[in-house]
Amino acid sequence: MATTVTVKGQVTLPKAVRQAAGIRPRDRVTVRVRPEGGVIVEAVASCEGASVYLQHLEAVSRRRSIRNMITDELMAMTRGDALR
C-alpha cells in the first residue's frame, strides 16, 4: 500500500495497516529504521493497561469458581461488565 508524505513529514497509515497492527486513534507508535532501508512502524504496547487487565483477571479468579459459568458470563466478568 502506498501513502503520501506531507510537507511536514506526516503520513496517514491506511486503515488495513492500522487494523492489522492494532493501532487506534491516539495510540503511540514506534518508528524504526531498518539497516537495509525502509522503516518499521509498530504500536507501543501499554504496559500500564496490560498490568491493570491482569490484576482484574486475578481478582476475578479469586472471587468465585468459573466451572459452572457460561461463556457469556465469563466474558462479561473479564471485561468488567457483570451480567445481572
Protein backbone atom coordinates (compact mmCIF):
# COMPACT_ATOMS: atom_id res chain seq x y z
CA MET A 1 0.00 0.00 0.00
CA ALA A 2 1.24 3.45 -0.80
CA THR A 3 0.63 6.71 1.05
CA THR A 4 1.90 10.26 0.58
CA VAL A 5 4.28 12.13 2.88
CA THR A 6 3.15 15.69 3.65
CA VAL A 7 5.49 18.70 3.69
CA LYS A 8 5.59 18.30 7.47
CA GLY A 9 6.81 14.69 7.10
CA GLN A 10 3.49 13.19 8.18
CA VAL A 11 1.86 10.11 6.69
CA THR A 12 -1.58 8.56 7.05
CA LEU A 13 -1.48 4.86 7.75
CA PRO A 14 -4.04 3.04 5.60
CA LYS A 15 -6.96 1.54 7.51
CA ALA A 16 -5.91 -2.04 6.72
CA VAL A 17 -2.45 -1.36 8.17
CA ARG A 18 -3.87 0.24 11.34
CA GLN A 19 -6.22 -2.69 11.85
CA ALA A 20 -3.51 -5.31 11.26
CA ALA A 21 -1.16 -3.58 13.73
CA GLY A 22 -3.91 -2.85 16.28
CA ILE A 23 -3.29 0.89 16.06
CA ARG A 24 -6.18 3.08 17.18
CA PRO A 25 -6.64 6.87 17.35
CA ARG A 26 -4.33 8.49 19.92
CA ASP A 27 -2.17 5.33 20.23
CA ARG A 28 1.57 5.88 20.33
CA VAL A 29 3.72 4.15 17.72
CA THR A 30 7.41 3.47 17.41
CA VAL A 31 9.21 4.03 14.12
CA ARG A 32 12.49 2.22 13.48
CA VAL A 33 14.83 2.46 10.53
CA ARG A 34 15.88 -0.88 9.05
CA PRO A 35 19.60 -1.25 8.26
CA GLU A 36 18.82 -2.40 4.72
CA GLY A 37 16.46 0.54 4.14
CA GLY A 38 12.83 1.22 4.92
CA VAL A 39 11.11 1.68 8.24
CA ILE A 40 9.07 -0.36 10.72
CA VAL A 41 6.03 1.20 12.42
CA GLU A 42 4.70 -0.63 15.48
CA ALA A 43 2.04 0.07 18.09
CA VAL A 44 3.52 0.80 21.52
CA ALA A 45 2.10 -1.70 24.00
CA SER A 46 0.61 -0.06 27.05
CA CYS A 47 2.31 -1.75 30.00
CA GLU A 48 0.02 0.04 32.43
CA GLY A 49 -3.11 -1.12 30.61
CA ALA A 50 -1.88 -4.70 30.47
CA SER A 51 -0.98 -4.64 34.15
CA VAL A 52 -4.42 -3.33 35.13
CA TYR A 53 -6.08 -6.00 32.97
CA LEU A 54 -4.03 -8.79 34.55
CA GLN A 55 -4.86 -7.51 38.04
CA HIS A 56 -8.55 -7.54 37.10
CA LEU A 57 -8.31 -11.14 35.83
CA GLU A 58 -6.58 -12.22 39.04
CA ALA A 59 -9.30 -10.58 41.13
CA VAL A 60 -12.00 -12.32 39.08
CA SER A 61 -10.28 -15.69 39.52
CA ARG A 62 -10.19 -15.24 43.32
CA ARG A 63 -13.85 -14.20 43.60
CA ARG A 64 -15.62 -17.38 42.55
CA SER A 65 -15.26 -20.55 40.58
CA ILE A 66 -15.83 -20.40 36.84
CA ARG A 67 -16.66 -24.10 36.44
CA ASN A 68 -20.43 -23.64 36.24
CA MET A 69 -20.34 -20.43 34.23
CA ILE A 70 -21.48 -20.00 30.66
CA THR A 71 -19.09 -18.32 28.24
CA ASP A 72 -21.09 -15.06 28.10
CA GLU A 73 -20.88 -14.72 31.89
CA LEU A 74 -17.14 -15.36 31.92
CA MET A 75 -16.52 -12.88 29.10
CA ALA A 76 -18.63 -10.23 30.86
CA MET A 77 -16.63 -10.72 34.06
CA THR A 78 -13.25 -10.42 32.36
CA ARG A 79 -14.41 -7.25 30.58
CA GLY A 80 -15.81 -5.78 33.79
CA ASP A 81 -19.41 -5.91 32.50
CA ALA A 82 -21.02 -8.13 35.15
CA LEU A 83 -24.26 -9.71 33.92
CA ARG A 84 -27.18 -9.36 36.31
